[in-house]
Amino acid sequence: MAYKITDDCIACGACTDSCPMGAIVEGGPGYMITADCIDCGACTDSCPMGAIVEG
């Protein structure tokens, strides 16, 4: 996976709506990206906290 969600995530859910694969799910204190991710990067633009980064 090319993207990860950092601890800056506030669990607002904006990224889940932007993911065409439904690869972002609730997990732990925030959200996590599953193996269904196709590395399209749509989620990075939707995150108001900039919590989704390449890595």
C-alpha atoms as a PDB file:
ATOM      1  CA  MET A   1       0.000   0.000   0.000  1.00  0.00           C
ATOM      2  CA  ALA A   2       1.313   3.405  -0.936  1.00  0.00           C
ATOM      3  CA  TYR A   3      -0.824   5.370   1.528  1.00  0.00           C
ATOM      4  CA  LYS A   4      -1.300   5.303   5.264  1.00  0.00           C
ATOM      5  CA  ILE A   5      -3.437   7.189   7.762  1.00  0.00           C
ATOM      6  CA  THR A   6      -1.456   8.939  10.476  1.00  0.00           C
ATOM      7  CA  ASP A   7      -2.336   9.753  14.071  1.00  0.00           C
ATOM      8  CA  ASP A   8      -3.561  13.161  12.852  1.00  0.00           C
ATOM      9  CA  CYS A   9      -6.812  11.437  11.771  1.00  0.00           C
ATOM     10  CA  ILE A  10      -9.849  12.869  13.588  1.00  0.00           C
ATOM     11  CA  ALA A  11     -12.195  10.115  12.309  1.00  0.00           C
ATOM     12  CA  CYS A  12     -14.413  12.539  10.385  1.00  0.00           C
ATOM     13  CA  GLY A  13     -15.123   9.984   7.641  1.00  0.00           C
ATOM     14  CA  ALA A  14     -14.424  12.274   4.683  1.00  0.00           C
ATOM     15  CA  CYS A  15     -11.952   9.787   3.238  1.00  0.00           C
ATOM     16  CA  THR A  16     -14.408   6.900   3.243  1.00  0.00           C
ATOM     17  CA  ASP A  17     -16.747   8.787   0.916  1.00  0.00           C
ATOM     18  CA  SER A  18     -13.952   9.566  -1.531  1.00  0.00           C
ATOM     19  CA  CYS A  19     -12.530   6.037  -1.837  1.00  0.00           C
ATOM     20  CA  PRO A  20     -13.784   4.335  -5.013  1.00  0.00           C
ATOM     21  CA  MET A  21     -12.875   0.894  -3.636  1.00  0.00           C
ATOM     22  CA  GLY A  22     -14.349   1.255  -0.149  1.00  0.00           C
ATOM     23  CA  ALA A  23     -10.886   0.462   1.179  1.00  0.00           C
ATOM     24  CA  ILE A  24     -11.001   2.785   4.190  1.00  0.00           C
ATOM     25  CA  VAL A  25     -12.649   1.403   7.309  1.00  0.00           C
ATOM     26  CA  GLU A  26     -12.946   2.282  10.981  1.00  0.00           C
ATOM     27  CA  GLY A  27     -10.168   0.752  13.025  1.00  0.00           C
ATOM     28  CA  GLY A  28      -8.688   1.781  16.334  1.00  0.00           C
ATOM     29  CA  PRO A  29      -9.014   5.435  17.218  1.00  0.00           C
ATOM     30  CA  GLY A  30      -9.431   6.513  13.590  1.00  0.00           C
ATOM     31  CA  TYR A  31      -9.580   4.873  10.186  1.00  0.00           C
ATOM     32  CA  MET A  32      -7.321   2.447   8.345  1.00  0.00           C
ATOM     33  CA  ILE A  33      -6.665   1.547   4.725  1.00  0.00           C
ATOM     34  CA  THR A  34      -7.293  -2.084   3.785  1.00  0.00           C
ATOM     35  CA  ALA A  35      -5.562  -4.285   1.216  1.00  0.00           C
ATOM     36  CA  ASP A  36      -8.327  -3.374  -1.278  1.00  0.00           C
ATOM     37  CA  CYS A  37      -6.585  -0.004  -1.819  1.00  0.00           C
ATOM     38  CA  ILE A  38      -5.576   0.600  -5.447  1.00  0.00           C
ATOM     39  CA  ASP A  39      -3.267   3.518  -4.564  1.00  0.00           C
ATOM     40  CA  CYS A  40      -5.315   6.064  -6.521  1.00  0.00           C
ATOM     41  CA  GLY A  41      -4.802   8.854  -3.954  1.00  0.00           C
ATOM     42  CA  ALA A  42      -8.399  10.108  -3.980  1.00  0.00           C
ATOM     43  CA  CYS A  43      -8.478   9.997  -0.190  1.00  0.00           C
ATOM     44  CA  THR A  44      -5.546  12.374   0.264  1.00  0.00           C
ATOM     45  CA  ASP A  45      -7.403  15.338  -1.208  1.00  0.00           C
ATOM     46  CA  SER A  46     -10.506  14.696   0.878  1.00  0.00           C
ATOM     47  CA  CYS A  47      -8.802  14.663   4.283  1.00  0.00           C
ATOM     48  CA  PRO A  48      -9.191  18.033   6.050  1.00  0.00           C
ATOM     49  CA  MET A  49      -6.345  17.187   8.452  1.00  0.00           C
ATOM     50  CA  GLY A  50      -3.826  15.984   5.860  1.00  0.00           C
ATOM     51  CA  ALA A  51      -3.674  12.707   7.777  1.00  0.00           C
ATOM     52  CA  ILE A  52      -3.352  10.459   4.734  1.00  0.00           C
ATOM     53  CA  VAL A  53       0.187  10.342   3.435  1.00  0.00           C
ATOM     54  CA  GLU A  54       2.289   8.284   1.079  1.00  0.00           C
ATOM     55  CA  GLY A  55       4.317   5.791   2.917  1.00  0.00           C
END
